[in-house]
Amino acid sequence: MKNRHNISILNNKLSLKIDDISMGHYSYAAYLFDDEDVCIEKRWYQDQQEFSFDFVLKGRYYFKIFRLVKGGSEKTSWRTEFVAVDSASKDDGAEMAITQSLIGKDIARNLRRLIFDHPTYLSRAFQLVRGAVHSSSTWKDKRLFAQELLNVGEEPGLYAGSAELVAERFSQISRLLDARTDLPEKETLYLRGLLRYRVGDFFSAQLNFQGLLPYSRQLKYHQTSCPAYFYRWDPDSHEHGLALDNFKIYKTHSKPGNGVVLISCDYGYFVSYYPSTIKKLLQYGQTLHLHLILPLGMNVQDLEPFFGDSEVGVSFEYEGNILMSEDNKKTYYTASRYLVCDKVLDLYGKPLLVSDIDISFDRSLDYAFSKLGDYEISLYFGKNDLPWLRIMAGFNFFGRLTAESYFLKYLKSFLVYCLSTGRDGWMLDQTALEVTYQNCQHEHIQKISSIRELLEYSPRQYENRDRFRAMAKKAVTEFRR
């Protein structure tokens, strides 16, 4: 009999219904996977044929369904087709009601009445505020809305106002929250998270917000970078004592240009992006150095057919080193370029650009390199308030003599500390750049500028990245067969 099922999507909720006429003879389980075959959430065996998965992030997913004979061991399984989850629908009742509360003059009264009538809307309200922070096209009066949202907890005026005022009254507000035993647990978690968020304690805020998610999805590496965020971090008090052997030189090649471009990636991304990106860079006469993180068992010499006559420098390391585990390997791929940055600077004696491999280079970088001071660092500052989105990690310049700079030493130590202590959330590289920048700026010990002073354009990624990712995944799968 053909396995039949039906999948429905409503906002960020996935529902799975199994159509099995043999109901009563079997138990069913369902696992939810993303498009990179990572199991996001599991539903264990049950008699019912319907499963519901809430708080599903935007992306592509599929289910693996298991059917077990009751009282026996015979088990069958099958995989569903992919389904796409977009942002929450515009007809979402909570979103419509909250948006309506912004209409009119008395926003505070409207919002307070709405949350009083529908306390479960509080979490959705936070999502909308957070979305407004991320979005370039936001509500004109989102700040007022966020402040009034903070008023809902208790005592008007305590949450609203500046971060300084909230920090000053932090203990008082916390005690008020402790006294609100009438609030549902999820709303208490939300309010505690929002309070921490207002005073800049992003790490504690994230721990509270994670409580709104199912346990199986908390603190996954691709969901949050907050565990790596610190106000101040002293590298001298966090000596890791690790001897890093993550830079084996295969070959070097230096062209006459003014600088060198450093790109690091895993084997899959190398296979998929190499022909396009490297061809463009070499076309403009740039010196290019690739740092590869290879799967165990692969010989770097086997990649020679890809290099051909290309004039590129290559270094490599293997997966499974002391800082890398199966869970955080994607985080390590992005962090590795900053772990070896000082070595590449010393190797070539030229200014350096750390770049993503999926940047579509369409002009020479020599002019930018020539403007960069020997001790200068030029960073790609974003337009976002969240600390892990203030500095983009995929396009940053380092002057010729910055290998021994306080900035790079601090950055490297911070990355090693986070990778070796479980604080290796997704976007760790951008969090590390932000924390390093804040400390160096505070000490006034490093000249740091914006790449907008070097470039008259913003770096642009390839538009068809899904195709490149599919090629990368295929290359890794084929190697491991």
Foldseek 3Di string as FASTA:
>chain_A
DDWDKDWDDAAQKIKIATDDPPQPFKWKKKFKAFPLRDTQDIGDTDSHRMDMDGPHDFGKIKMKMKIQGPPDGDIDIDIDDIDTHDHHDPVPPLNVQLVVLVPDDCSLVSVLVVCVVPVVSLVVLVVLLVVQQVDPDHDPPSLVNLQSSLCNQDDPPQSHDALVSVVVCVVVVVVSLVPPPVHPQLSSLQNVLSSCVRNPLNLSSLVSNQVNHPPSNRPQQAPDLSLLADQADDLVVQDPPDDDPWWAWPFAFAFPFQEEEEEEAEPLLCVLLVVQQLVQQVVQRHAYEYEYAYEPPDDPVVCCVSCPVPRYTYIYHYAPDLLHDPRQNVLCRLLVCLLCVLVVLVVHLHKYKYAYSQWRDDHDLRQLRVPADQQEKAFAADDGDDQLRGTDSGTIIGHSNNSVPPLSVQLNSSQSSCSNPVSRHPSNSSSSNSNSVSVCVVVVRGHYHHCVVRDVDDTDGDPPVVVSVVSSSVVVVVVVD
